[in-house]
């Protein structure tokens, strides 16, 4: 009897330790949370027919709208607008097009009307002509002082607590976690380690041209775009930098559709996740309309492909880390 009681006490004590803690405490107890945990347990259990060896446990996530917010515009674009205005005040000659002149004056209509090319034009002028190191230091300085126009929060405080928990949970279970974003790779690398515990070499993003200044021994950012890591570019970026197919992929918009479809088409265990922005009270509600984060194919085709559609209002008990 004494031995039995000792065992019970030991088990009870273990139950109070992190070994049995909820890995996703900011997720409500809905089907979404259960599906994630079930998948992770299956692919990490050596006795399971779905077991995946640690070297193949690769998870990739979009950044904007998946790991942090993206409304009213991509945060990198808001940074680019701030820097474009500053540069134009010092040298108006850099405003060589109607798009750039409108952006510097705060008129985003012509920029959005120009679509992706308009965004890239603003980014090219505002991000080039400096070293990679200086650019990333400037991004960190901006994050220290800039505030979101609607929430008043720091941009790097508008991370999604449930997704931070998911990243940590996957790493605890032997996954490597990567960012695969349409955003600029140097922009995201400036804060990814601190924000997500993801090192710079596990960030895949849109790349501008970079040249090496031999005299000063520094890397210089150029204005030309070398690779766009969006839509069909995402599977290409994954192949070029990872060289293997992820078994867990998270996104939020149709810019992520090709990446999710690429992963689910390979056979074997796979988990596709789409963050659906349904919470206008705590965050933002949007999907099929608007210039940022449009989600049409993911909603229409994702469930038929077995992907999980995460309803932010229903599935998340908490949105921001500071809550």
C-alpha atoms as a PDB file:
ATOM      1  CA  UNK A   1       0.000   0.000   0.000  1.00  0.00           C
ATOM      2  CA  UNK A   2       2.785   2.410   0.918  1.00  0.00           C
ATOM      3  CA  UNK A   3       4.462   1.774  -2.460  1.00  0.00           C
ATOM      4  CA  UNK A   4       1.146   2.326  -4.257  1.00  0.00           C
ATOM      5  CA  UNK A   5       0.607   5.647  -2.469  1.00  0.00           C
ATOM      6  CA  UNK A   6       4.139   6.731  -3.331  1.00  0.00           C
ATOM      7  CA  UNK A   7       3.521   6.019  -7.002  1.00  0.00           C
ATOM      8  CA  UNK A   8       0.225   7.963  -6.910  1.00  0.00           C
ATOM      9  CA  UNK A   9       1.914  10.928  -5.264  1.00  0.00           C
ATOM     10  CA  UNK A  10       4.694  10.841  -7.853  1.00  0.00           C
ATOM     11  CA  UNK A  11       2.218  10.773 -10.715  1.00  0.00           C
ATOM     12  CA  UNK A  12       0.251  13.596  -9.099  1.00  0.00           C
ATOM     13  CA  UNK A  13       3.408  15.665  -8.782  1.00  0.00           C
ATOM     14  CA  UNK A  14       4.273  15.051 -12.412  1.00  0.00           C
ATOM     15  CA  UNK A  15       0.830  16.294 -13.399  1.00  0.00           C
ATOM     16  CA  UNK A  16       1.710  19.682 -11.972  1.00  0.00           C
ATOM     17  CA  UNK A  17       4.888  19.980 -14.012  1.00  0.00           C
ATOM     18  CA  UNK A  18       5.256  21.339 -17.547  1.00  0.00           C
ATOM     19  CA  UNK A  19       5.474  17.736 -18.790  1.00  0.00           C
ATOM     20  CA  UNK A  20       1.658  17.617 -18.706  1.00  0.00           C
ATOM     21  CA  UNK A  21       1.003  21.317 -19.332  1.00  0.00           C
ATOM     22  CA  UNK A  22      -1.296  22.442 -22.123  1.00  0.00           C
ATOM     23  CA  UNK A  23       1.019  23.176 -25.089  1.00  0.00           C
ATOM     24  CA  UNK A  24      -1.511  25.600 -26.612  1.00  0.00           C
ATOM     25  CA  UNK A  25      -3.098  27.468 -23.691  1.00  0.00           C
ATOM     26  CA  UNK A  26      -4.284  30.440 -25.762  1.00  0.00           C
ATOM     27  CA  UNK A  27      -6.253  28.152 -28.080  1.00  0.00           C
ATOM     28  CA  UNK A  28      -9.826  27.408 -27.093  1.00  0.00           C
ATOM     29  CA  UNK A  29     -10.739  23.745 -26.684  1.00  0.00           C
ATOM     30  CA  UNK A  30     -12.227  23.399 -30.153  1.00  0.00           C
ATOM     31  CA  UNK A  31     -11.727  20.960 -33.010  1.00  0.00           C
ATOM     32  CA  UNK A  32      -8.855  23.096 -34.321  1.00  0.00           C
ATOM     33  CA  UNK A  33      -6.695  22.656 -31.232  1.00  0.00           C
ATOM     34  CA  UNK A  34      -7.538  18.951 -31.019  1.00  0.00           C
ATOM     35  CA  UNK A  35      -6.597  18.420 -34.675  1.00  0.00           C
ATOM     36  CA  UNK A  36      -3.195  20.099 -34.240  1.00  0.00           C
ATOM     37  CA  UNK A  37      -2.303  18.094 -31.137  1.00  0.00           C
ATOM     38  CA  UNK A  38      -3.521  14.851 -32.711  1.00  0.00           C
ATOM     39  CA  UNK A  39      -1.322  15.382 -35.765  1.00  0.00           C
ATOM     40  CA  UNK A  40       1.767  16.252 -33.737  1.00  0.00           C
ATOM     41  CA  UNK A  41       1.294  13.239 -31.473  1.00  0.00           C
ATOM     42  CA  UNK A  42       0.875  10.899 -34.468  1.00  0.00           C
ATOM     43  CA  UNK A  43       3.972  12.051 -36.342  1.00  0.00           C
ATOM     44  CA  UNK A  44       6.172  12.012 -33.225  1.00  0.00           C
ATOM     45  CA  UNK A  45       5.095   8.605 -31.866  1.00  0.00           C
ATOM     46  CA  UNK A  46       7.501   5.881 -33.065  1.00  0.00           C
ATOM     47  CA  UNK A  47       4.702   3.337 -32.721  1.00  0.00           C
ATOM     48  CA  UNK A  48       2.386   5.294 -35.025  1.00  0.00           C
ATOM     49  CA  UNK A  49       2.060   4.408 -38.741  1.00  0.00           C
ATOM     50  CA  UNK A  50       2.327   8.160 -39.384  1.00  0.00           C
ATOM     51  CA  UNK A  51       5.643   8.536 -37.550  1.00  0.00           C
ATOM     52  CA  UNK A  52       8.037  11.020 -39.138  1.00  0.00           C
ATOM     53  CA  UNK A  53      11.710  11.120 -38.231  1.00  0.00           C
ATOM     54  CA  UNK A  54      12.926  14.377 -36.650  1.00  0.00           C
ATOM     55  CA  UNK A  55      15.000  15.369 -39.676  1.00  0.00           C
ATOM     56  CA  UNK A  56      11.817  15.432 -41.801  1.00  0.00           C
ATOM     57  CA  UNK A  57       9.689  17.331 -39.285  1.00  0.00           C
ATOM     58  CA  UNK A  58       9.739  20.639 -41.125  1.00  0.00           C
ATOM     59  CA  UNK A  59       7.149  23.355 -40.527  1.00  0.00           C
ATOM     60  CA  UNK A  60       6.849  26.529 -42.608  1.00  0.00           C
ATOM     61  CA  UNK A  61       4.720  29.580 -41.876  1.00  0.00           C
ATOM     62  CA  UNK A  62       3.807  32.709 -43.734  1.00  0.00           C
ATOM     63  CA  UNK A  63       4.492  35.861 -41.696  1.00  0.00           C
ATOM     64  CA  UNK A  64       2.026  38.671 -42.541  1.00  0.00           C
ATOM     65  CA  UNK A  65      -1.426  37.762 -41.283  1.00  0.00           C
ATOM     66  CA  UNK A  66      -0.212  34.381 -40.021  1.00  0.00           C
ATOM     67  CA  UNK A  67       2.341  35.171 -37.325  1.00  0.00           C
ATOM     68  CA  UNK A  68       1.631  38.893 -36.923  1.00  0.00           C
ATOM     69  CA  UNK A  69      -1.054  41.292 -38.128  1.00  0.00           C
ATOM     70  CA  UNK A  70      -1.172  42.812 -41.610  1.00  0.00           C
ATOM     71  CA  UNK A  71      -3.918  45.442 -41.549  1.00  0.00           C
ATOM     72  CA  UNK A  72      -4.465  48.127 -42.749  1.00  0.00           C
ATOM     73  CA  UNK A  73      -1.351  47.389 -44.855  1.00  0.00           C
ATOM     74  CA  UNK A  74       1.650  45.118 -44.592  1.00  0.00           C
ATOM     75  CA  UNK A  75       3.850  46.470 -41.825  1.00  0.00           C
ATOM     76  CA  UNK A  76       6.901  46.464 -44.069  1.00  0.00           C
ATOM     77  CA  UNK A  77       5.026  48.734 -46.474  1.00  0.00           C
ATOM     78  CA  UNK A  78       4.239  51.153 -43.631  1.00  0.00           C
ATOM     79  CA  UNK A  79       7.944  51.174 -42.791  1.00  0.00           C
ATOM     80  CA  UNK A  80       8.731  51.846 -46.455  1.00  0.00           C
ATOM     81  CA  UNK A  81       6.310  54.794 -46.542  1.00  0.00           C
ATOM     82  CA  UNK A  82       7.889  56.349 -43.460  1.00  0.00           C
ATOM     83  CA  UNK A  83      11.377  56.036 -44.897  1.00  0.00           C
ATOM     84  CA  UNK A  84      10.314  57.223 -48.372  1.00  0.00           C
ATOM     85  CA  UNK A  85       8.897  60.430 -46.872  1.00  0.00           C
ATOM     86  CA  UNK A  86      12.091  61.025 -44.896  1.00  0.00           C
ATOM     87  CA  UNK A  87      14.284  60.491 -47.945  1.00  0.00           C
ATOM     88  CA  UNK A  88      12.085  62.650 -50.155  1.00  0.00           C
ATOM     89  CA  UNK A  89      12.324  65.561 -47.715  1.00  0.00           C
ATOM     90  CA  UNK A  90      16.104  65.403 -48.002  1.00  0.00           C
ATOM     91  CA  UNK A  91      16.172  64.709 -51.744  1.00  0.00           C
ATOM     92  CA  UNK A  92      12.913  65.249 -53.711  1.00  0.00           C
ATOM     93  CA  UNK A  93      14.586  64.019 -56.893  1.00  0.00           C
ATOM     94  CA  UNK A  94      14.085  60.408 -55.769  1.00  0.00           C
ATOM     95  CA  UNK A  95      10.352  60.796 -56.503  1.00  0.00           C
ATOM     96  CA  UNK A  96      10.609  59.824 -60.147  1.00  0.00           C
ATOM     97  CA  UNK A  97       7.047  58.561 -60.733  1.00  0.00           C
ATOM     98  CA  UNK A  98       3.434  59.379 -59.910  1.00  0.00           C
ATOM     99  CA  UNK A  99       3.331  56.360 -57.609  1.00  0.00           C
ATOM    100  CA  UNK A 100       6.311  57.566 -55.590  1.00  0.00           C
ATOM    101  CA  UNK A 101       5.052  61.154 -55.426  1.00  0.00           C
ATOM    102  CA  UNK A 102       1.638  59.996 -54.231  1.00  0.00           C
ATOM    103  CA  UNK A 103       3.163  57.661 -51.637  1.00  0.00           C
ATOM    104  CA  UNK A 104       5.380  60.422 -50.255  1.00  0.00           C
ATOM    105  CA  UNK A 105       2.287  62.623 -49.865  1.00  0.00           C
ATOM    106  CA  UNK A 106       0.357  59.884 -48.082  1.00  0.00           C
ATOM    107  CA  UNK A 107      -2.013  59.218 -50.996  1.00  0.00           C
ATOM    108  CA  UNK A 108      -2.109  55.435 -51.252  1.00  0.00           C
ATOM    109  CA  UNK A 109      -4.730  55.260 -54.004  1.00  0.00           C
ATOM    110  CA  UNK A 110      -2.249  55.323 -56.927  1.00  0.00           C
ATOM    111  CA  UNK A 111       0.056  52.902 -55.097  1.00  0.00           C
ATOM    112  CA  UNK A 112      -2.697  50.341 -54.534  1.00  0.00           C
ATOM    113  CA  UNK A 113      -4.036  50.864 -58.050  1.00  0.00           C
ATOM    114  CA  UNK A 114      -0.591  49.905 -59.370  1.00  0.00           C
ATOM    115  CA  UNK A 115      -0.835  46.630 -57.436  1.00  0.00           C
ATOM    116  CA  UNK A 116       2.247  44.613 -56.618  1.00  0.00           C
ATOM    117  CA  UNK A 117       4.435  46.735 -58.866  1.00  0.00           C
ATOM    118  CA  UNK A 118       3.422  49.874 -56.984  1.00  0.00           C
ATOM    119  CA  UNK A 119       4.341  48.313 -53.656  1.00  0.00           C
ATOM    120  CA  UNK A 120       7.653  47.092 -55.031  1.00  0.00           C
ATOM    121  CA  UNK A 121       8.451  50.538 -56.449  1.00  0.00           C
ATOM    122  CA  UNK A 122       8.060  52.146 -53.022  1.00  0.00           C
ATOM    123  CA  UNK A 123      10.077  49.379 -51.372  1.00  0.00           C
ATOM    124  CA  UNK A 124      12.867  49.591 -53.960  1.00  0.00           C
ATOM    125  CA  UNK A 125      13.487  53.291 -53.353  1.00  0.00           C
ATOM    126  CA  UNK A 126      13.096  53.208 -49.576  1.00  0.00           C
ATOM    127  CA  UNK A 127      15.146  50.038 -48.935  1.00  0.00           C
ATOM    128  CA  UNK A 128      18.178  50.443 -51.209  1.00  0.00           C
ATOM    129  CA  UNK A 129      21.494  52.275 -51.137  1.00  0.00           C
ATOM    130  CA  UNK A 130      22.584  51.068 -47.709  1.00  0.00           C
ATOM    131  CA  UNK A 131      24.332  48.095 -46.208  1.00  0.00           C
ATOM    132  CA  UNK A 132      22.347  45.077 -45.097  1.00  0.00           C
ATOM    133  CA  UNK A 133      23.538  45.686 -41.544  1.00  0.00           C
ATOM    134  CA  UNK A 134      22.463  49.345 -41.582  1.00  0.00           C
ATOM    135  CA  UNK A 135      19.082  48.441 -43.067  1.00  0.00           C
ATOM    136  CA  UNK A 136      18.333  45.862 -40.381  1.00  0.00           C
ATOM    137  CA  UNK A 137      19.439  48.244 -37.638  1.00  0.00           C
ATOM    138  CA  UNK A 138      17.083  50.843 -39.097  1.00  0.00           C
ATOM    139  CA  UNK A 139      14.197  48.356 -39.092  1.00  0.00           C
ATOM    140  CA  UNK A 140      14.808  47.644 -35.422  1.00  0.00           C
ATOM    141  CA  UNK A 141      14.922  51.396 -34.685  1.00  0.00           C
ATOM    142  CA  UNK A 142      11.609  51.849 -36.496  1.00  0.00           C
ATOM    143  CA  UNK A 143       9.991  49.034 -34.513  1.00  0.00           C
ATOM    144  CA  UNK A 144      11.052  50.783 -31.322  1.00  0.00           C
ATOM    145  CA  UNK A 145       9.253  54.030 -32.170  1.00  0.00           C
ATOM    146  CA  UNK A 146       6.517  53.356 -34.746  1.00  0.00           C
ATOM    147  CA  UNK A 147       2.969  52.626 -33.603  1.00  0.00           C
ATOM    148  CA  UNK A 148       0.023  51.041 -35.352  1.00  0.00           C
ATOM    149  CA  UNK A 149      -2.446  53.694 -36.606  1.00  0.00           C
ATOM    150  CA  UNK A 150      -5.517  51.930 -35.163  1.00  0.00           C
ATOM    151  CA  UNK A 151      -4.395  49.984 -32.098  1.00  0.00           C
ATOM    152  CA  UNK A 152      -1.588  52.294 -30.965  1.00  0.00           C
ATOM    153  CA  UNK A 153       0.515  49.189 -30.305  1.00  0.00           C
ATOM    154  CA  UNK A 154       4.085  48.531 -31.316  1.00  0.00           C
ATOM    155  CA  UNK A 155       4.087  46.563 -34.532  1.00  0.00           C
ATOM    156  CA  UNK A 156       6.199  43.805 -33.016  1.00  0.00           C
ATOM    157  CA  UNK A 157       3.695  43.538 -30.155  1.00  0.00           C
ATOM    158  CA  UNK A 158       0.989  42.609 -32.656  1.00  0.00           C
ATOM    159  CA  UNK A 159       2.199  39.021 -32.811  1.00  0.00           C
ATOM    160  CA  UNK A 160      -0.351  36.250 -32.439  1.00  0.00           C
ATOM    161  CA  UNK A 161       0.057  34.538 -29.085  1.00  0.00           C
ATOM    162  CA  UNK A 162      -1.609  31.295 -30.294  1.00  0.00           C
ATOM    163  CA  UNK A 163       0.870  31.080 -33.177  1.00  0.00           C
ATOM    164  CA  UNK A 164       3.827  31.761 -30.886  1.00  0.00           C
ATOM    165  CA  UNK A 165       2.639  28.828 -28.782  1.00  0.00           C
ATOM    166  CA  UNK A 166       2.265  26.679 -31.881  1.00  0.00           C
ATOM    167  CA  UNK A 167       5.825  27.462 -32.993  1.00  0.00           C
ATOM    168  CA  UNK A 168       7.175  26.587 -29.539  1.00  0.00           C
ATOM    169  CA  UNK A 169       5.101  23.406 -29.362  1.00  0.00           C
ATOM    170  CA  UNK A 170       6.354  22.188 -32.721  1.00  0.00           C
ATOM    171  CA  UNK A 171       9.980  22.891 -31.778  1.00  0.00           C
ATOM    172  CA  UNK A 172       9.507  21.060 -28.475  1.00  0.00           C
ATOM    173  CA  UNK A 173       8.348  18.076 -30.521  1.00  0.00           C
ATOM    174  CA  UNK A 174      11.410  18.052 -32.770  1.00  0.00           C
ATOM    175  CA  UNK A 175      10.214  20.234 -35.653  1.00  0.00           C
ATOM    176  CA  UNK A 176      12.326  22.877 -37.329  1.00  0.00           C
ATOM    177  CA  UNK A 177      10.261  26.023 -37.861  1.00  0.00           C
ATOM    178  CA  UNK A 178      10.727  28.316 -40.858  1.00  0.00           C
ATOM    179  CA  UNK A 179       9.215  31.539 -42.115  1.00  0.00           C
ATOM    180  CA  UNK A 180       8.287  31.610 -45.814  1.00  0.00           C
ATOM    181  CA  UNK A 181       6.989  35.092 -46.553  1.00  0.00           C
ATOM    182  CA  UNK A 182       6.276  37.465 -49.386  1.00  0.00           C
ATOM    183  CA  UNK A 183       7.878  40.113 -47.183  1.00  0.00           C
ATOM    184  CA  UNK A 184      11.493  41.108 -47.570  1.00  0.00           C
ATOM    185  CA  UNK A 185      13.959  38.609 -46.188  1.00  0.00           C
ATOM    186  CA  UNK A 186      16.217  41.264 -44.636  1.00  0.00           C
ATOM    187  CA  UNK A 187      13.238  43.035 -43.071  1.00  0.00           C
ATOM    188  CA  UNK A 188      11.983  39.871 -41.343  1.00  0.00           C
ATOM    189  CA  UNK A 189      15.451  38.725 -40.321  1.00  0.00           C
ATOM    190  CA  UNK A 190      15.837  41.991 -38.398  1.00  0.00           C
ATOM    191  CA  UNK A 191      13.349  40.812 -35.742  1.00  0.00           C
ATOM    192  CA  UNK A 192      12.555  37.119 -36.323  1.00  0.00           C
ATOM    193  CA  UNK A 193      14.962  35.763 -33.715  1.00  0.00           C
ATOM    194  CA  UNK A 194      13.570  37.940 -30.939  1.00  0.00           C
ATOM    195  CA  UNK A 195       9.937  37.775 -32.006  1.00  0.00           C
ATOM    196  CA  UNK A 196       9.612  34.120 -32.999  1.00  0.00           C
ATOM    197  CA  UNK A 197      12.800  32.404 -31.843  1.00  0.00           C
ATOM    198  CA  UNK A 198      13.482  31.659 -35.514  1.00  0.00           C
ATOM    199  CA  UNK A 199      17.089  32.279 -36.611  1.00  0.00           C
ATOM    200  CA  UNK A 200      17.883  34.343 -39.727  1.00  0.00           C
ATOM    201  CA  UNK A 201      18.918  31.325 -41.784  1.00  0.00           C
ATOM    202  CA  UNK A 202      15.421  29.866 -41.349  1.00  0.00           C
ATOM    203  CA  UNK A 203      13.744  32.888 -42.933  1.00  0.00           C
ATOM    204  CA  UNK A 204      12.807  32.712 -46.614  1.00  0.00           C
ATOM    205  CA  UNK A 205      11.459  35.888 -48.191  1.00  0.00           C
ATOM    206  CA  UNK A 206      11.445  38.211 -51.169  1.00  0.00           C
ATOM    207  CA  UNK A 207      15.003  39.206 -52.019  1.00  0.00           C
ATOM    208  CA  UNK A 208      16.393  42.381 -53.481  1.00  0.00           C
ATOM    209  CA  UNK A 209      19.682  42.281 -55.293  1.00  0.00           C
ATOM    210  CA  UNK A 210      22.711  42.447 -53.008  1.00  0.00           C
ATOM    211  CA  UNK A 211      26.269  43.285 -54.023  1.00  0.00           C
ATOM    212  CA  UNK A 212      29.536  42.996 -52.162  1.00  0.00           C
ATOM    213  CA  UNK A 213      31.571  46.161 -51.666  1.00  0.00           C
ATOM    214  CA  UNK A 214      35.109  44.751 -51.584  1.00  0.00           C
ATOM    215  CA  UNK A 215      36.736  47.982 -50.480  1.00  0.00           C
ATOM    216  CA  UNK A 216      34.551  48.409 -47.407  1.00  0.00           C
ATOM    217  CA  UNK A 217      33.841  44.683 -46.997  1.00  0.00           C
ATOM    218  CA  UNK A 218      30.100  45.129 -46.662  1.00  0.00           C
ATOM    219  CA  UNK A 219      26.976  43.922 -48.447  1.00  0.00           C
ATOM    220  CA  UNK A 220      24.967  46.632 -50.208  1.00  0.00           C
ATOM    221  CA  UNK A 221      21.218  46.482 -50.921  1.00  0.00           C
ATOM    222  CA  UNK A 222      20.230  47.340 -54.481  1.00  0.00           C
ATOM    223  CA  UNK A 223      16.858  48.546 -55.823  1.00  0.00           C
ATOM    224  CA  UNK A 224      16.160  45.591 -58.114  1.00  0.00           C
ATOM    225  CA  UNK A 225      14.078  42.631 -56.954  1.00  0.00           C
ATOM    226  CA  UNK A 226      15.900  39.340 -57.395  1.00  0.00           C
ATOM    227  CA  UNK A 227      13.191  36.912 -56.251  1.00  0.00           C
ATOM    228  CA  UNK A 228       9.543  37.316 -55.175  1.00  0.00           C
ATOM    229  CA  UNK A 229       8.667  34.758 -52.518  1.00  0.00           C
ATOM    230  CA  UNK A 230       4.916  34.830 -52.960  1.00  0.00           C
ATOM    231  CA  UNK A 231       2.261  32.604 -54.522  1.00  0.00           C
ATOM    232  CA  UNK A 232       4.049  30.109 -56.820  1.00  0.00           C
ATOM    233  CA  UNK A 233       7.371  31.516 -55.662  1.00  0.00           C
ATOM    234  CA  UNK A 234       6.934  30.029 -52.186  1.00  0.00           C
ATOM    235  CA  UNK A 235       7.431  26.367 -53.183  1.00  0.00           C
ATOM    236  CA  UNK A 236      10.465  27.484 -55.212  1.00  0.00           C
ATOM    237  CA  UNK A 237      11.894  29.314 -52.213  1.00  0.00           C
ATOM    238  CA  UNK A 238      11.328  26.261 -50.033  1.00  0.00           C
ATOM    239  CA  UNK A 239      13.150  24.029 -52.490  1.00  0.00           C
ATOM    240  CA  UNK A 240      16.054  26.458 -52.871  1.00  0.00           C
ATOM    241  CA  UNK A 241      16.647  27.033 -49.167  1.00  0.00           C
ATOM    242  CA  UNK A 242      15.288  23.952 -47.380  1.00  0.00           C
ATOM    243  CA  UNK A 243      15.556  21.265 -50.034  1.00  0.00           C
ATOM    244  CA  UNK A 244      12.740  19.201 -48.504  1.00  0.00           C
ATOM    245  CA  UNK A 245       8.960  19.351 -48.362  1.00  0.00           C
ATOM    246  CA  UNK A 246       7.406  20.620 -45.115  1.00  0.00           C
ATOM    247  CA  UNK A 247       4.885  18.389 -43.375  1.00  0.00           C
ATOM    248  CA  UNK A 248       3.254  21.295 -41.527  1.00  0.00           C
ATOM    249  CA  UNK A 249       2.407  24.535 -43.357  1.00  0.00           C
ATOM    250  CA  UNK A 250       0.558  27.574 -42.062  1.00  0.00           C
ATOM    251  CA  UNK A 251      -0.745  30.570 -43.988  1.00  0.00           C
ATOM    252  CA  UNK A 252      -3.661  32.965 -44.134  1.00  0.00           C
ATOM    253  CA  UNK A 253      -4.199  34.166 -47.695  1.00  0.00           C
ATOM    254  CA  UNK A 254      -4.261  32.998 -51.282  1.00  0.00           C
ATOM    255  CA  UNK A 255      -0.631  34.096 -51.490  1.00  0.00           C
ATOM    256  CA  UNK A 256       0.022  30.959 -49.429  1.00  0.00           C
ATOM    257  CA  UNK A 257      -2.189  28.633 -51.490  1.00  0.00           C
ATOM    258  CA  UNK A 258       0.610  27.280 -53.678  1.00  0.00           C
ATOM    259  CA  UNK A 259       2.807  26.548 -50.649  1.00  0.00           C
ATOM    260  CA  UNK A 260      -0.008  24.659 -48.908  1.00  0.00           C
ATOM    261  CA  UNK A 261      -0.971  22.816 -52.083  1.00  0.00           C
ATOM    262  CA  UNK A 262       2.645  21.852 -52.714  1.00  0.00           C
ATOM    263  CA  UNK A 263       2.919  20.337 -49.253  1.00  0.00           C
ATOM    264  CA  UNK A 264      -0.353  18.431 -49.387  1.00  0.00           C
ATOM    265  CA  UNK A 265       0.391  16.991 -52.836  1.00  0.00           C
ATOM    266  CA  UNK A 266       3.501  15.107 -51.758  1.00  0.00           C
ATOM    267  CA  UNK A 267       1.806  12.217 -49.929  1.00  0.00           C
ATOM    268  CA  UNK A 268       2.424  11.081 -46.378  1.00  0.00           C
ATOM    269  CA  UNK A 269       1.383  12.874 -43.198  1.00  0.00           C
ATOM    270  CA  UNK A 270       0.649  16.544 -43.781  1.00  0.00           C
ATOM    271  CA  UNK A 271      -1.061  19.351 -41.887  1.00  0.00           C
ATOM    272  CA  UNK A 272      -2.256  22.497 -43.637  1.00  0.00           C
ATOM    273  CA  UNK A 273      -3.478  25.425 -41.561  1.00  0.00           C
ATOM    274  CA  UNK A 274      -5.123  28.678 -42.654  1.00  0.00           C
ATOM    275  CA  UNK A 275      -5.701  31.526 -40.204  1.00  0.00           C
ATOM    276  CA  UNK A 276      -9.106  33.007 -41.039  1.00  0.00           C
ATOM    277  CA  UNK A 277      -9.469  36.571 -39.751  1.00  0.00           C
ATOM    278  CA  UNK A 278     -12.988  36.593 -38.318  1.00  0.00           C
ATOM    279  CA  UNK A 279     -12.519  38.734 -35.201  1.00  0.00           C
ATOM    280  CA  UNK A 280     -13.296  42.402 -35.848  1.00  0.00           C
ATOM    281  CA  UNK A 281     -13.515  43.094 -32.115  1.00  0.00           C
ATOM    282  CA  UNK A 282     -10.070  41.867 -31.052  1.00  0.00           C
ATOM    283  CA  UNK A 283      -8.222  42.087 -34.370  1.00  0.00           C
ATOM    284  CA  UNK A 284      -9.689  42.497 -37.881  1.00  0.00           C
ATOM    285  CA  UNK A 285     -12.285  40.665 -39.962  1.00  0.00           C
ATOM    286  CA  UNK A 286     -11.511  40.181 -43.662  1.00  0.00           C
ATOM    287  CA  UNK A 287     -11.113  37.507 -46.304  1.00  0.00           C
ATOM    288  CA  UNK A 288     -12.474  37.789 -49.867  1.00  0.00           C
ATOM    289  CA  UNK A 289     -12.155  41.534 -50.449  1.00  0.00           C
ATOM    290  CA  UNK A 290      -9.432  44.138 -50.120  1.00  0.00           C
ATOM    291  CA  UNK A 291      -5.830  44.593 -51.223  1.00  0.00           C
ATOM    292  CA  UNK A 292      -4.240  42.852 -48.225  1.00  0.00           C
ATOM    293  CA  UNK A 293      -4.646  39.232 -47.144  1.00  0.00           C
ATOM    294  CA  UNK A 294      -7.274  38.215 -49.695  1.00  0.00           C
ATOM    295  CA  UNK A 295      -8.538  34.694 -48.969  1.00  0.00           C
ATOM    296  CA  UNK A 296     -10.756  33.066 -51.592  1.00  0.00           C
ATOM    297  CA  UNK A 297      -9.254  29.804 -52.851  1.00  0.00           C
ATOM    298  CA  UNK A 298      -8.157  28.819 -49.368  1.00  0.00           C
ATOM    299  CA  UNK A 299     -11.715  29.090 -48.049  1.00  0.00           C
ATOM    300  CA  UNK A 300     -13.299  27.430 -51.070  1.00  0.00           C
ATOM    301  CA  UNK A 301     -10.803  24.625 -51.685  1.00  0.00           C
ATOM    302  CA  UNK A 302      -8.903  24.222 -48.428  1.00  0.00           C
ATOM    303  CA  UNK A 303     -11.439  22.088 -46.512  1.00  0.00           C
ATOM    304  CA  UNK A 304     -11.718  19.680 -49.436  1.00  0.00           C
ATOM    305  CA  UNK A 305      -7.947  19.240 -49.341  1.00  0.00           C
ATOM    306  CA  UNK A 306      -8.062  18.489 -45.625  1.00  0.00           C
ATOM    307  CA  UNK A 307      -6.627  21.818 -44.483  1.00  0.00           C
ATOM    308  CA  UNK A 308      -7.689  23.271 -41.150  1.00  0.00           C
ATOM    309  CA  UNK A 309      -9.413  26.666 -41.338  1.00  0.00           C
ATOM    310  CA  UNK A 310      -8.706  28.364 -38.009  1.00  0.00           C
ATOM    311  CA  UNK A 311     -11.574  30.673 -37.046  1.00  0.00           C
ATOM    312  CA  UNK A 312      -9.810  33.377 -35.028  1.00  0.00           C
ATOM    313  CA  UNK A 313     -12.941  34.469 -33.139  1.00  0.00           C
ATOM    314  CA  UNK A 314     -13.921  30.916 -32.211  1.00  0.00           C
ATOM    315  CA  UNK A 315     -10.614  29.081 -31.880  1.00  0.00           C
ATOM    316  CA  UNK A 316      -8.393  31.653 -30.158  1.00  0.00           C
ATOM    317  CA  UNK A 317      -8.977  32.576 -26.534  1.00  0.00           C
ATOM    318  CA  UNK A 318      -6.312  35.262 -26.749  1.00  0.00           C
ATOM    319  CA  UNK A 319      -4.870  37.214 -29.662  1.00  0.00           C
ATOM    320  CA  UNK A 320      -1.954  39.399 -28.490  1.00  0.00           C
ATOM    321  CA  UNK A 321       0.838  38.341 -26.108  1.00  0.00           C
ATOM    322  CA  UNK A 322       0.262  41.322 -23.802  1.00  0.00           C
ATOM    323  CA  UNK A 323      -3.351  40.416 -22.997  1.00  0.00           C
END
